[in-house]
Amino acid sequence: MKNSIPTSVLRQYSFGNVKRIVPISSGLIHQTFRVETDQGQYIMQRLHPILSSVQIAEDFYAVTNYLAKQEFHAPHCVLTKKGSVLATQGKYVWRAQTKLPGRTFEVLKNPRMAKESGKIYGKFHRAMNEIPFRFKSKLALHQTEKIYRHFIQVTKKFKNSFAFKEVESEVNLITQELPRYFLPKDLPMRVIHGDPKISNILFDGTGRATAVIDLDTCKRGSPLLDLGDAFRSWCGKKEDDSRNTFSLPLFTAAWKGYQEGIHRLLTKKELDRVPQVIGTITLELACRFLTDYFEDYYFGWDEKRYETRAQHNLARARGQLREFADYQKKFPRIKEIIEKS
């Protein structure tokens, strides 16, 4: 089941004859497959239960349609034969979309790539800024204070366990530092992507960023949340890298590209918080990984490199905390780059 798409699901779509199904390994949440047919190629995802609601499906459909009207290159939602966004099969829920040409990467490789990535997300924020749609889903990512409160509850619950003793210093660091990075509640609300990792950008053969994919987490929120998550992930190494650092050259290029794409949409209040939000999201993600280290149910994990999900989550949390420490050292320079732009 995990590495295939059931025939009963494929029959719910007008795909034509399916020639090949290829599992796609990237992504921590959904199970994703490329479906090659005689009518073209599609992306199908078995959705994580938290992201499989009818409301999120309606949002996804609205976003993809709106971006098409804005002539912004993005996947189109593919409906079932019955006109539904979702296909159900037992306890699982599936969704399909068109596959766009282009290549994805797991790691941002150089400043040129960073600038292209920043530019396309700036264009995405600008394209989505005036969408006349009220999002249906109540799910909100990057609720930092809520995530922090849950983390405190979970760590108290496990405080007398061996698992806690293993990570006591990490728990203490997050407990002390994350509240200092909470964002103000009166920031302008815009439409954001919600998961701007580098693998959610398509590049053509010349290295130009051509499209943004994985649009099921789009919501109204502060674009700073996208920026913090983007710069955290683009300018660092792999999330579980024990030598994680924050790259100033990549950040400088990505920020320049974003400014070109967004074209002065952000207010001074938003700009002033860009340096801070990188730390906010880095710590938030470390907090989420460490929470799942205890709860052991949410994030996917690499079974080839780790014996358990908990081990992988611990490595991820520590990788993020190492990047945060390097980011703190470079904060004055990050602030200077923003102020001079």
C-alpha atoms as a PDB file:
ATOM      1  CA  MET A   1       0.000   0.000   0.000  1.00  0.00           C
ATOM      2  CA  LYS A   2       2.708   2.460   0.969  1.00  0.00           C
ATOM      3  CA  ASN A   3       4.590   2.247  -2.347  1.00  0.00           C
ATOM      4  CA  SER A   4       1.696   1.992  -4.782  1.00  0.00           C
ATOM      5  CA  ILE A   5      -1.649   3.502  -5.801  1.00  0.00           C
ATOM      6  CA  PRO A   6      -4.611   1.106  -5.553  1.00  0.00           C
ATOM      7  CA  THR A   7      -6.457   0.430  -8.799  1.00  0.00           C
ATOM      8  CA  SER A   8      -9.681   1.458  -7.087  1.00  0.00           C
ATOM      9  CA  VAL A   9      -8.239   4.964  -6.686  1.00  0.00           C
ATOM     10  CA  LEU A  10      -6.937   5.250 -10.252  1.00  0.00           C
ATOM     11  CA  ARG A  11     -10.339   4.211 -11.616  1.00  0.00           C
ATOM     12  CA  GLN A  12     -11.891   7.297 -10.032  1.00  0.00           C
ATOM     13  CA  TYR A  13      -9.990   9.516 -12.503  1.00  0.00           C
ATOM     14  CA  SER A  14     -10.077   9.932 -16.280  1.00  0.00           C
ATOM     15  CA  PHE A  15      -6.370   9.348 -16.665  1.00  0.00           C
ATOM     16  CA  GLY A  16      -6.523   6.976 -19.600  1.00  0.00           C
ATOM     17  CA  ASN A  17      -4.177   4.017 -19.619  1.00  0.00           C
ATOM     18  CA  VAL A  18      -1.641   4.120 -16.799  1.00  0.00           C
ATOM     19  CA  LYS A  19       1.811   3.173 -18.062  1.00  0.00           C
ATOM     20  CA  ARG A  20       3.933   3.700 -14.975  1.00  0.00           C
ATOM     21  CA  ILE A  21       3.706   4.760 -11.332  1.00  0.00           C
ATOM     22  CA  VAL A  22       6.844   6.131  -9.680  1.00  0.00           C
ATOM     23  CA  PRO A  23       7.061   6.861  -5.921  1.00  0.00           C
ATOM     24  CA  ILE A  24       8.549  10.279  -5.133  1.00  0.00           C
ATOM     25  CA  SER A  25      10.579  10.246  -1.949  1.00  0.00           C
ATOM     26  CA  SER A  26      10.622  13.958  -1.106  1.00  0.00           C
ATOM     27  CA  GLY A  27       8.181  15.274   1.471  1.00  0.00           C
ATOM     28  CA  LEU A  28       7.749  14.652   5.182  1.00  0.00           C
ATOM     29  CA  ILE A  29       3.958  14.436   5.251  1.00  0.00           C
ATOM     30  CA  HIS A  30       2.182  12.979   2.199  1.00  0.00           C
ATOM     31  CA  GLN A  31       2.938   9.858   0.147  1.00  0.00           C
ATOM     32  CA  THR A  32       3.530  11.197  -3.376  1.00  0.00           C
ATOM     33  CA  PHE A  33       3.607   9.422  -6.749  1.00  0.00           C
ATOM     34  CA  ARG A  34       4.181  10.357 -10.391  1.00  0.00           C
ATOM     35  CA  VAL A  35       1.591   8.735 -12.648  1.00  0.00           C
ATOM     36  CA  GLU A  36       2.507   8.372 -16.333  1.00  0.00           C
ATOM     37  CA  THR A  37      -0.431   7.758 -18.677  1.00  0.00           C
ATOM     38  CA  ASP A  38      -1.187   7.890 -22.378  1.00  0.00           C
ATOM     39  CA  GLN A  39      -2.831  11.286 -21.738  1.00  0.00           C
ATOM     40  CA  GLY A  40       0.050  12.865 -19.851  1.00  0.00           C
ATOM     41  CA  GLN A  41       1.682  12.861 -16.435  1.00  0.00           C
ATOM     42  CA  TYR A  42       0.077  13.552 -13.087  1.00  0.00           C
ATOM     43  CA  ILE A  43       1.031  13.824  -9.446  1.00  0.00           C
ATOM     44  CA  MET A  44      -1.041  11.826  -6.968  1.00  0.00           C
ATOM     45  CA  GLN A  45      -0.782  12.094  -3.208  1.00  0.00           C
ATOM     46  CA  ARG A  46      -2.097   9.948  -0.405  1.00  0.00           C
ATOM     47  CA  LEU A  47      -2.787  12.717   2.045  1.00  0.00           C
ATOM     48  CA  HIS A  48      -1.798  12.820   5.673  1.00  0.00           C
ATOM     49  CA  PRO A  49      -5.028  12.681   7.762  1.00  0.00           C
ATOM     50  CA  ILE A  50      -4.414  16.164   9.173  1.00  0.00           C
ATOM     51  CA  LEU A  51      -4.313  17.618   5.637  1.00  0.00           C
ATOM     52  CA  SER A  52      -7.077  15.559   4.011  1.00  0.00           C
ATOM     53  CA  SER A  53     -10.189  17.556   4.938  1.00  0.00           C
ATOM     54  CA  VAL A  54     -12.814  18.700   2.450  1.00  0.00           C
ATOM     55  CA  GLN A  55     -12.106  22.296   3.494  1.00  0.00           C
ATOM     56  CA  ILE A  56      -8.400  22.059   2.609  1.00  0.00           C
ATOM     57  CA  ALA A  57      -9.396  20.442  -0.690  1.00  0.00           C
ATOM     58  CA  GLU A  58     -11.684  23.381  -1.507  1.00  0.00           C
ATOM     59  CA  ASP A  59      -8.902  25.817  -0.674  1.00  0.00           C
ATOM     60  CA  PHE A  60      -6.460  23.915  -2.876  1.00  0.00           C
ATOM     61  CA  TYR A  61      -8.894  23.992  -5.795  1.00  0.00           C
ATOM     62  CA  ALA A  62      -9.526  27.726  -5.392  1.00  0.00           C
ATOM     63  CA  VAL A  63      -5.810  28.557  -5.186  1.00  0.00           C
ATOM     64  CA  THR A  64      -4.851  26.563  -8.279  1.00  0.00           C
ATOM     65  CA  ASN A  65      -7.702  28.095 -10.278  1.00  0.00           C
ATOM     66  CA  TYR A  66      -6.828  31.625  -9.197  1.00  0.00           C
ATOM     67  CA  LEU A  67      -3.148  31.217 -10.017  1.00  0.00           C
ATOM     68  CA  ALA A  68      -4.112  29.993 -13.492  1.00  0.00           C
ATOM     69  CA  LYS A  69      -6.149  33.181 -14.004  1.00  0.00           C
ATOM     70  CA  GLN A  70      -3.152  35.218 -12.853  1.00  0.00           C
ATOM     71  CA  GLU A  71      -1.005  33.329 -15.386  1.00  0.00           C
ATOM     72  CA  PHE A  72       1.263  32.212 -12.562  1.00  0.00           C
ATOM     73  CA  HIS A  73       2.769  28.824 -13.406  1.00  0.00           C
ATOM     74  CA  ALA A  74       1.457  26.266 -10.908  1.00  0.00           C
ATOM     75  CA  PRO A  75      -0.185  22.812 -10.995  1.00  0.00           C
ATOM     76  CA  HIS A  76      -3.884  22.458 -11.765  1.00  0.00           C
ATOM     77  CA  CYS A  77      -6.119  20.419  -9.495  1.00  0.00           C
ATOM     78  CA  VAL A  78      -7.468  17.316 -11.293  1.00  0.00           C
ATOM     79  CA  LEU A  79     -10.999  16.368 -10.305  1.00  0.00           C
ATOM     80  CA  THR A  80     -12.363  12.830 -10.106  1.00  0.00           C
ATOM     81  CA  LYS A  81     -14.952  11.564 -12.589  1.00  0.00           C
ATOM     82  CA  LYS A  82     -17.594  12.663 -10.067  1.00  0.00           C
ATOM     83  CA  GLY A  83     -16.183  16.186  -9.927  1.00  0.00           C
ATOM     84  CA  SER A  84     -14.580  15.855  -6.500  1.00  0.00           C
ATOM     85  CA  VAL A  85     -11.159  17.137  -5.445  1.00  0.00           C
ATOM     86  CA  LEU A  86     -10.643  14.084  -3.242  1.00  0.00           C
ATOM     87  CA  ALA A  87     -10.775  10.361  -3.928  1.00  0.00           C
ATOM     88  CA  THR A  88     -11.363   8.045  -0.988  1.00  0.00           C
ATOM     89  CA  GLN A  89     -10.230   4.460  -0.542  1.00  0.00           C
ATOM     90  CA  GLY A  90     -10.935   2.917   2.824  1.00  0.00           C
ATOM     91  CA  LYS A  91      -9.364   5.114   5.485  1.00  0.00           C
ATOM     92  CA  TYR A  92      -7.108   6.857   2.950  1.00  0.00           C
ATOM     93  CA  VAL A  93      -7.757  10.057   1.006  1.00  0.00           C
ATOM     94  CA  TRP A  94      -6.073  10.878  -2.320  1.00  0.00           C
ATOM     95  CA  ARG A  95      -5.713  13.973  -4.481  1.00  0.00           C
ATOM     96  CA  ALA A  96      -4.424  14.483  -8.040  1.00  0.00           C
ATOM     97  CA  GLN A  97      -2.891  17.395  -9.922  1.00  0.00           C
ATOM     98  CA  THR A  98      -1.142  18.003 -13.195  1.00  0.00           C
ATOM     99  CA  LYS A  99       2.599  17.390 -13.325  1.00  0.00           C
ATOM    100  CA  LEU A 100       4.522  20.374 -14.602  1.00  0.00           C
ATOM    101  CA  PRO A 101       7.820  20.107 -16.468  1.00  0.00           C
ATOM    102  CA  GLY A 102      10.891  20.997 -14.493  1.00  0.00           C
ATOM    103  CA  ARG A 103      13.275  19.718 -11.897  1.00  0.00           C
ATOM    104  CA  THR A 104      13.180  19.920  -8.121  1.00  0.00           C
ATOM    105  CA  PHE A 105      16.100  19.998  -5.697  1.00  0.00           C
ATOM    106  CA  GLU A 106      16.418  19.039  -2.055  1.00  0.00           C
ATOM    107  CA  VAL A 107      19.149  21.584  -1.301  1.00  0.00           C
ATOM    108  CA  LEU A 108      19.712  25.121  -2.557  1.00  0.00           C
ATOM    109  CA  LYS A 109      23.028  24.917  -4.381  1.00  0.00           C
ATOM    110  CA  ASN A 110      24.313  28.442  -5.086  1.00  0.00           C
ATOM    111  CA  PRO A 111      23.488  32.195  -4.937  1.00  0.00           C
ATOM    112  CA  ARG A 112      21.982  32.215  -8.452  1.00  0.00           C
ATOM    113  CA  MET A 113      19.562  29.494  -7.454  1.00  0.00           C
ATOM    114  CA  ALA A 114      18.839  31.378  -4.229  1.00  0.00           C
ATOM    115  CA  LYS A 115      17.984  34.544  -6.126  1.00  0.00           C
ATOM    116  CA  GLU A 116      15.656  32.647  -8.469  1.00  0.00           C
ATOM    117  CA  SER A 117      13.932  31.007  -5.511  1.00  0.00           C
ATOM    118  CA  GLY A 118      13.423  34.305  -3.742  1.00  0.00           C
ATOM    119  CA  LYS A 119      12.117  35.927  -6.898  1.00  0.00           C
ATOM    120  CA  ILE A 120       9.448  33.313  -7.601  1.00  0.00           C
ATOM    121  CA  TYR A 121       8.153  33.387  -4.037  1.00  0.00           C
ATOM    122  CA  GLY A 122       7.997  37.174  -4.233  1.00  0.00           C
ATOM    123  CA  LYS A 123       5.947  36.837  -7.413  1.00  0.00           C
ATOM    124  CA  PHE A 124       3.768  34.217  -5.703  1.00  0.00           C
ATOM    125  CA  HIS A 125       3.003  36.536  -2.774  1.00  0.00           C
ATOM    126  CA  ARG A 126       2.222  39.363  -5.188  1.00  0.00           C
ATOM    127  CA  ALA A 127       0.003  37.154  -7.386  1.00  0.00           C
ATOM    128  CA  MET A 128      -2.006  35.870  -4.403  1.00  0.00           C
ATOM    129  CA  ASN A 129      -2.287  39.194  -2.585  1.00  0.00           C
ATOM    130  CA  GLU A 130      -5.782  40.068  -3.814  1.00  0.00           C
ATOM    131  CA  ILE A 131      -7.442  36.660  -4.206  1.00  0.00           C
ATOM    132  CA  PRO A 132     -11.205  37.167  -3.583  1.00  0.00           C
ATOM    133  CA  PHE A 133     -11.623  33.952  -1.630  1.00  0.00           C
ATOM    134  CA  ARG A 134     -12.336  33.179   1.989  1.00  0.00           C
ATOM    135  CA  PHE A 135     -10.288  30.156   2.959  1.00  0.00           C
ATOM    136  CA  LYS A 136     -12.398  27.356   4.420  1.00  0.00           C
ATOM    137  CA  SER A 137      -9.842  25.390   6.382  1.00  0.00           C
ATOM    138  CA  LYS A 138      -9.244  26.314  10.004  1.00  0.00           C
ATOM    139  CA  LEU A 139      -5.868  24.587   9.974  1.00  0.00           C
ATOM    140  CA  ALA A 140      -3.113  27.142  10.467  1.00  0.00           C
ATOM    141  CA  LEU A 141       0.577  26.362  10.221  1.00  0.00           C
ATOM    142  CA  HIS A 142       3.266  28.293  12.105  1.00  0.00           C
ATOM    143  CA  GLN A 143       1.113  29.032  15.143  1.00  0.00           C
ATOM    144  CA  THR A 144       4.301  29.462  17.082  1.00  0.00           C
ATOM    145  CA  GLU A 145       2.824  30.230  20.476  1.00  0.00           C
ATOM    146  CA  LYS A 146       0.364  27.315  20.260  1.00  0.00           C
ATOM    147  CA  ILE A 147       3.163  24.976  19.160  1.00  0.00           C
ATOM    148  CA  TYR A 148       5.270  26.172  22.072  1.00  0.00           C
ATOM    149  CA  ARG A 149       2.484  25.623  24.617  1.00  0.00           C
ATOM    150  CA  HIS A 150       1.930  22.087  23.353  1.00  0.00           C
ATOM    151  CA  PHE A 151       5.667  21.456  23.523  1.00  0.00           C
ATOM    152  CA  ILE A 152       5.705  22.527  27.182  1.00  0.00           C
ATOM    153  CA  GLN A 153       2.803  20.185  27.947  1.00  0.00           C
ATOM    154  CA  VAL A 154       4.459  17.242  26.204  1.00  0.00           C
ATOM    155  CA  THR A 155       7.856  17.737  27.838  1.00  0.00           C
ATOM    156  CA  LYS A 156       6.226  17.949  31.278  1.00  0.00           C
ATOM    157  CA  LYS A 157       4.416  14.687  30.571  1.00  0.00           C
ATOM    158  CA  PHE A 158       7.676  12.910  29.675  1.00  0.00           C
ATOM    159  CA  LYS A 159       9.898  14.673  32.196  1.00  0.00           C
ATOM    160  CA  ASN A 160      10.668  11.536  34.204  1.00  0.00           C
ATOM    161  CA  SER A 161      11.389   9.355  31.175  1.00  0.00           C
ATOM    162  CA  PHE A 162      14.721   8.254  29.713  1.00  0.00           C
ATOM    163  CA  ALA A 163      13.680   9.983  26.482  1.00  0.00           C
ATOM    164  CA  PHE A 164      13.606  13.327  28.328  1.00  0.00           C
ATOM    165  CA  LYS A 165      17.028  12.848  29.925  1.00  0.00           C
ATOM    166  CA  GLU A 166      18.459  12.364  26.429  1.00  0.00           C
ATOM    167  CA  VAL A 167      17.265  15.808  25.319  1.00  0.00           C
ATOM    168  CA  GLU A 168      17.105  17.875  28.491  1.00  0.00           C
ATOM    169  CA  SER A 169      19.560  20.511  27.257  1.00  0.00           C
ATOM    170  CA  GLU A 170      17.642  20.915  23.975  1.00  0.00           C
ATOM    171  CA  VAL A 171      14.339  21.217  25.832  1.00  0.00           C
ATOM    172  CA  ASN A 172      15.794  23.897  28.100  1.00  0.00           C
ATOM    173  CA  LEU A 173      17.190  25.880  25.170  1.00  0.00           C
ATOM    174  CA  ILE A 174      13.859  25.938  23.303  1.00  0.00           C
ATOM    175  CA  THR A 175      11.942  26.722  26.494  1.00  0.00           C
ATOM    176  CA  GLN A 176      14.130  29.748  27.171  1.00  0.00           C
ATOM    177  CA  GLU A 177      14.671  31.083  23.653  1.00  0.00           C
ATOM    178  CA  LEU A 178      11.496  30.578  21.627  1.00  0.00           C
ATOM    179  CA  PRO A 179       9.264  33.051  23.575  1.00  0.00           C
ATOM    180  CA  ARG A 180      11.788  35.774  22.760  1.00  0.00           C
ATOM    181  CA  TYR A 181      11.062  35.241  19.063  1.00  0.00           C
ATOM    182  CA  PHE A 182       7.258  35.355  19.113  1.00  0.00           C
ATOM    183  CA  LEU A 183       5.988  37.694  16.390  1.00  0.00           C
ATOM    184  CA  PRO A 184       3.571  40.584  17.087  1.00  0.00           C
ATOM    185  CA  LYS A 185      -0.084  39.803  16.449  1.00  0.00           C
ATOM    186  CA  ASP A 186      -0.874  42.927  14.403  1.00  0.00           C
ATOM    187  CA  LEU A 187       1.154  42.171  11.283  1.00  0.00           C
ATOM    188  CA  PRO A 188      -0.610  42.554   7.891  1.00  0.00           C
ATOM    189  CA  MET A 189      -2.395  39.389   6.737  1.00  0.00           C
ATOM    190  CA  ARG A 190      -1.757  38.196   3.202  1.00  0.00           C
ATOM    191  CA  VAL A 191      -1.962  34.833   1.416  1.00  0.00           C
ATOM    192  CA  ILE A 192       1.110  32.692   2.030  1.00  0.00           C
ATOM    193  CA  HIS A 193       2.291  29.329   0.755  1.00  0.00           C
ATOM    194  CA  GLY A 194       2.881  27.728   4.142  1.00  0.00           C
ATOM    195  CA  ASP A 195       5.684  25.350   3.119  1.00  0.00           C
ATOM    196  CA  PRO A 196       8.250  27.214   0.975  1.00  0.00           C
ATOM    197  CA  LYS A 197      11.008  24.599   1.013  1.00  0.00           C
ATOM    198  CA  ILE A 198      13.303  24.455  -1.986  1.00  0.00           C
ATOM    199  CA  SER A 199      11.775  21.182  -3.236  1.00  0.00           C
ATOM    200  CA  ASN A 200       8.490  23.056  -3.756  1.00  0.00           C
ATOM    201  CA  ILE A 201      10.035  25.084  -6.589  1.00  0.00           C
ATOM    202  CA  LEU A 202      10.429  23.828 -10.151  1.00  0.00           C
ATOM    203  CA  PHE A 203      13.479  24.865 -12.192  1.00  0.00           C
ATOM    204  CA  ASP A 204      13.984  24.631 -15.946  1.00  0.00           C
ATOM    205  CA  GLY A 205      17.143  23.520 -17.725  1.00  0.00           C
ATOM    206  CA  THR A 206      18.653  27.012 -17.590  1.00  0.00           C
ATOM    207  CA  GLY A 207      18.325  27.242 -13.808  1.00  0.00           C
ATOM    208  CA  ARG A 208      15.348  29.605 -13.873  1.00  0.00           C
ATOM    209  CA  ALA A 209      12.642  29.038 -11.251  1.00  0.00           C
ATOM    210  CA  THR A 210       9.418  28.446 -13.193  1.00  0.00           C
ATOM    211  CA  ALA A 211       6.734  27.258 -10.780  1.00  0.00           C
ATOM    212  CA  VAL A 212       5.659  26.787  -7.174  1.00  0.00           C
ATOM    213  CA  ILE A 213       4.074  23.472  -6.200  1.00  0.00           C
ATOM    214  CA  ASP A 214       2.474  21.814  -3.123  1.00  0.00           C
ATOM    215  CA  LEU A 215      -0.256  24.378  -2.654  1.00  0.00           C
ATOM    216  CA  ASP A 216      -2.411  22.646  -0.044  1.00  0.00           C
ATOM    217  CA  THR A 217      -1.102  24.732   2.870  1.00  0.00           C
ATOM    218  CA  CYS A 218      -1.947  28.145   1.416  1.00  0.00           C
ATOM    219  CA  LYS A 219      -3.656  30.371   3.985  1.00  0.00           C
ATOM    220  CA  ARG A 220      -4.002  33.957   5.063  1.00  0.00           C
ATOM    221  CA  GLY A 221      -1.157  34.886   7.360  1.00  0.00           C
ATOM    222  CA  SER A 222       1.932  37.002   7.572  1.00  0.00           C
ATOM    223  CA  PRO A 223       4.312  36.558   4.613  1.00  0.00           C
ATOM    224  CA  LEU A 224       7.056  36.736   7.224  1.00  0.00           C
ATOM    225  CA  LEU A 225       6.180  33.128   8.069  1.00  0.00           C
ATOM    226  CA  ASP A 226       7.019  32.061   4.516  1.00  0.00           C
ATOM    227  CA  LEU A 227      10.183  34.155   4.550  1.00  0.00           C
ATOM    228  CA  GLY A 228      11.400  32.770   7.864  1.00  0.00           C
ATOM    229  CA  ASP A 229      10.788  29.199   6.751  1.00  0.00           C
ATOM    230  CA  ALA A 230      12.300  29.793   3.324  1.00  0.00           C
ATOM    231  CA  PHE A 231      15.496  31.434   4.551  1.00  0.00           C
ATOM    232  CA  ARG A 232      15.855  28.883   7.358  1.00  0.00           C
ATOM    233  CA  SER A 233      15.675  25.960   4.953  1.00  0.00           C
ATOM    234  CA  TRP A 234      17.337  27.495   1.890  1.00  0.00           C
ATOM    235  CA  CYS A 235      20.317  28.942   3.754  1.00  0.00           C
ATOM    236  CA  GLY A 236      20.928  25.940   5.988  1.00  0.00           C
ATOM    237  CA  LYS A 237      22.048  22.437   5.253  1.00  0.00           C
ATOM    238  CA  LYS A 238      19.775  19.383   5.454  1.00  0.00           C
ATOM    239  CA  GLU A 239      17.503  19.571   8.473  1.00  0.00           C
ATOM    240  CA  ASP A 240      19.210  16.677  10.252  1.00  0.00           C
ATOM    241  CA  ASP A 241      22.773  17.740   9.403  1.00  0.00           C
ATOM    242  CA  SER A 242      24.902  17.824  12.557  1.00  0.00           C
ATOM    243  CA  ARG A 243      27.060  20.592  10.994  1.00  0.00           C
ATOM    244  CA  ASN A 244      24.151  22.863  10.102  1.00  0.00           C
ATOM    245  CA  THR A 245      24.953  26.552   9.548  1.00  0.00           C
ATOM    246  CA  PHE A 246      23.257  29.643   8.099  1.00  0.00           C
ATOM    247  CA  SER A 247      24.717  30.892   4.804  1.00  0.00           C
ATOM    248  CA  LEU A 248      24.916  34.662   4.442  1.00  0.00           C
ATOM    249  CA  PRO A 249      25.762  34.568   0.698  1.00  0.00           C
ATOM    250  CA  LEU A 250      22.654  32.456  -0.001  1.00  0.00           C
ATOM    251  CA  PHE A 251      20.516  34.697   2.183  1.00  0.00           C
ATOM    252  CA  THR A 252      21.765  37.863   0.460  1.00  0.00           C
ATOM    253  CA  ALA A 253      20.937  36.469  -2.981  1.00  0.00           C
ATOM    254  CA  ALA A 254      17.551  35.063  -1.915  1.00  0.00           C
ATOM    255  CA  TRP A 255      16.530  38.343  -0.302  1.00  0.00           C
ATOM    256  CA  LYS A 256      17.523  40.306  -3.404  1.00  0.00           C
ATOM    257  CA  GLY A 257      15.453  37.969  -5.575  1.00  0.00           C
ATOM    258  CA  TYR A 258      12.463  38.207  -3.270  1.00  0.00           C
ATOM    259  CA  GLN A 259      12.538  41.986  -3.383  1.00  0.00           C
ATOM    260  CA  GLU A 260      12.502  41.874  -7.177  1.00  0.00           C
ATOM    261  CA  GLY A 261       9.541  39.519  -7.180  1.00  0.00           C
ATOM    262  CA  ILE A 262       7.414  41.147  -4.463  1.00  0.00           C
ATOM    263  CA  HIS A 263       7.979  44.658  -5.884  1.00  0.00           C
ATOM    264  CA  ARG A 264       7.639  46.766  -2.722  1.00  0.00           C
ATOM    265  CA  LEU A 265       4.473  45.106  -1.426  1.00  0.00           C
ATOM    266  CA  LEU A 266       5.734  44.696   2.149  1.00  0.00           C
ATOM    267  CA  THR A 267       5.360  47.471   4.725  1.00  0.00           C
ATOM    268  CA  LYS A 268       8.204  48.845   6.852  1.00  0.00           C
ATOM    269  CA  LYS A 269       6.716  47.016   9.847  1.00  0.00           C
ATOM    270  CA  GLU A 270       7.034  43.729   7.987  1.00  0.00           C
ATOM    271  CA  LEU A 271      10.529  44.478   6.713  1.00  0.00           C
ATOM    272  CA  ASP A 272      11.749  45.287  10.221  1.00  0.00           C
ATOM    273  CA  ARG A 273      10.766  41.792  11.403  1.00  0.00           C
ATOM    274  CA  VAL A 274      12.442  39.789   8.624  1.00  0.00           C
ATOM    275  CA  PRO A 275      15.689  39.212  10.572  1.00  0.00           C
ATOM    276  CA  GLN A 276      13.776  38.032  13.640  1.00  0.00           C
ATOM    277  CA  VAL A 277      11.427  35.639  11.873  1.00  0.00           C
ATOM    278  CA  ILE A 278      14.269  33.439  10.641  1.00  0.00           C
ATOM    279  CA  GLY A 279      14.995  32.622  14.268  1.00  0.00           C
ATOM    280  CA  THR A 280      11.287  32.238  15.013  1.00  0.00           C
ATOM    281  CA  ILE A 281      10.734  29.538  12.420  1.00  0.00           C
ATOM    282  CA  THR A 282      14.053  27.771  13.046  1.00  0.00           C
ATOM    283  CA  LEU A 283      13.222  27.381  16.721  1.00  0.00           C
ATOM    284  CA  GLU A 284       9.591  26.559  15.952  1.00  0.00           C
ATOM    285  CA  LEU A 285      10.634  23.681  13.710  1.00  0.00           C
ATOM    286  CA  ALA A 286      13.121  22.395  16.276  1.00  0.00           C
ATOM    287  CA  CYS A 287      10.243  22.554  18.752  1.00  0.00           C
ATOM    288  CA  ARG A 288       7.967  20.546  16.431  1.00  0.00           C
ATOM    289  CA  PHE A 289      10.626  17.907  15.741  1.00  0.00           C
ATOM    290  CA  LEU A 290      11.368  17.529  19.439  1.00  0.00           C
ATOM    291  CA  THR A 291       7.652  17.262  20.225  1.00  0.00           C
ATOM    292  CA  ASP A 292       7.328  14.455  17.683  1.00  0.00           C
ATOM    293  CA  TYR A 293      10.436  12.854  19.195  1.00  0.00           C
ATOM    294  CA  PHE A 294       8.222  12.266  22.234  1.00  0.00           C
ATOM    295  CA  GLU A 295       4.823  11.747  20.584  1.00  0.00           C
ATOM    296  CA  ASP A 296       6.150   9.711  17.624  1.00  0.00           C
ATOM    297  CA  TYR A 297       3.327   9.971  15.102  1.00  0.00           C
ATOM    298  CA  TYR A 298       3.510  12.965  12.739  1.00  0.00           C
ATOM    299  CA  PHE A 299       6.606  13.385  10.583  1.00  0.00           C
ATOM    300  CA  GLY A 300       7.730  10.848   8.014  1.00  0.00           C
ATOM    301  CA  TRP A 301      11.226   9.469   8.567  1.00  0.00           C
ATOM    302  CA  ASP A 302      14.081   7.862   6.658  1.00  0.00           C
ATOM    303  CA  GLU A 303      14.004   4.178   7.574  1.00  0.00           C
ATOM    304  CA  LYS A 304      17.284   3.567   5.733  1.00  0.00           C
ATOM    305  CA  ARG A 305      19.297   5.928   7.933  1.00  0.00           C
ATOM    306  CA  TYR A 306      17.451   5.798  11.243  1.00  0.00           C
ATOM    307  CA  GLU A 307      16.102   2.919  13.286  1.00  0.00           C
ATOM    308  CA  THR A 308      13.105   4.894  14.550  1.00  0.00           C
ATOM    309  CA  ARG A 309      11.092   8.021  13.824  1.00  0.00           C
ATOM    310  CA  ALA A 310      12.194   9.359  17.217  1.00  0.00           C
ATOM    311  CA  GLN A 311      15.872   9.100  16.268  1.00  0.00           C
ATOM    312  CA  HIS A 312      15.295  10.969  13.017  1.00  0.00           C
ATOM    313  CA  ASN A 313      13.255  13.667  14.764  1.00  0.00           C
ATOM    314  CA  LEU A 314      15.984  14.117  17.371  1.00  0.00           C
ATOM    315  CA  ALA A 315      18.602  14.537  14.640  1.00  0.00           C
ATOM    316  CA  ARG A 316      16.357  17.085  12.911  1.00  0.00           C
ATOM    317  CA  ALA A 317      15.782  19.038  16.109  1.00  0.00           C
ATOM    318  CA  ARG A 318      19.498  19.165  16.863  1.00  0.00           C
ATOM    319  CA  GLY A 319      20.255  20.199  13.286  1.00  0.00           C
ATOM    320  CA  GLN A 320      17.851  23.122  13.580  1.00  0.00           C
ATOM    321  CA  LEU A 321      19.292  24.205  16.911  1.00  0.00           C
ATOM    322  CA  ARG A 322      22.788  24.217  15.425  1.00  0.00           C
ATOM    323  CA  GLU A 323      21.566  26.407  12.573  1.00  0.00           C
ATOM    324  CA  PHE A 324      19.884  28.690  15.098  1.00  0.00           C
ATOM    325  CA  ALA A 325      23.151  29.106  17.013  1.00  0.00           C
ATOM    326  CA  ASP A 326      24.973  30.103  13.810  1.00  0.00           C
ATOM    327  CA  TYR A 327      22.108  32.413  12.810  1.00  0.00           C
ATOM    328  CA  GLN A 328      22.391  34.185  16.169  1.00  0.00           C
ATOM    329  CA  LYS A 329      26.064  34.920  15.514  1.00  0.00           C
ATOM    330  CA  LYS A 330      25.213  36.344  12.088  1.00  0.00           C
ATOM    331  CA  PHE A 331      22.099  38.265  13.139  1.00  0.00           C
ATOM    332  CA  PRO A 332      23.773  41.731  13.009  1.00  0.00           C
ATOM    333  CA  ARG A 333      24.867  41.101   9.430  1.00  0.00           C
ATOM    334  CA  ILE A 334      21.405  39.771   8.454  1.00  0.00           C
ATOM    335  CA  LYS A 335      19.840  42.929   9.869  1.00  0.00           C
ATOM    336  CA  GLU A 336      22.337  45.093   7.995  1.00  0.00           C
ATOM    337  CA  ILE A 337      21.532  43.355   4.683  1.00  0.00           C
ATOM    338  CA  ILE A 338      17.800  44.016   5.170  1.00  0.00           C
ATOM    339  CA  GLU A 339      18.278  47.638   6.233  1.00  0.00           C
ATOM    340  CA  LYS A 340      20.490  48.433   3.238  1.00  0.00           C
ATOM    341  CA  SER A 341      18.050  46.958   0.727  1.00  0.00           C
END
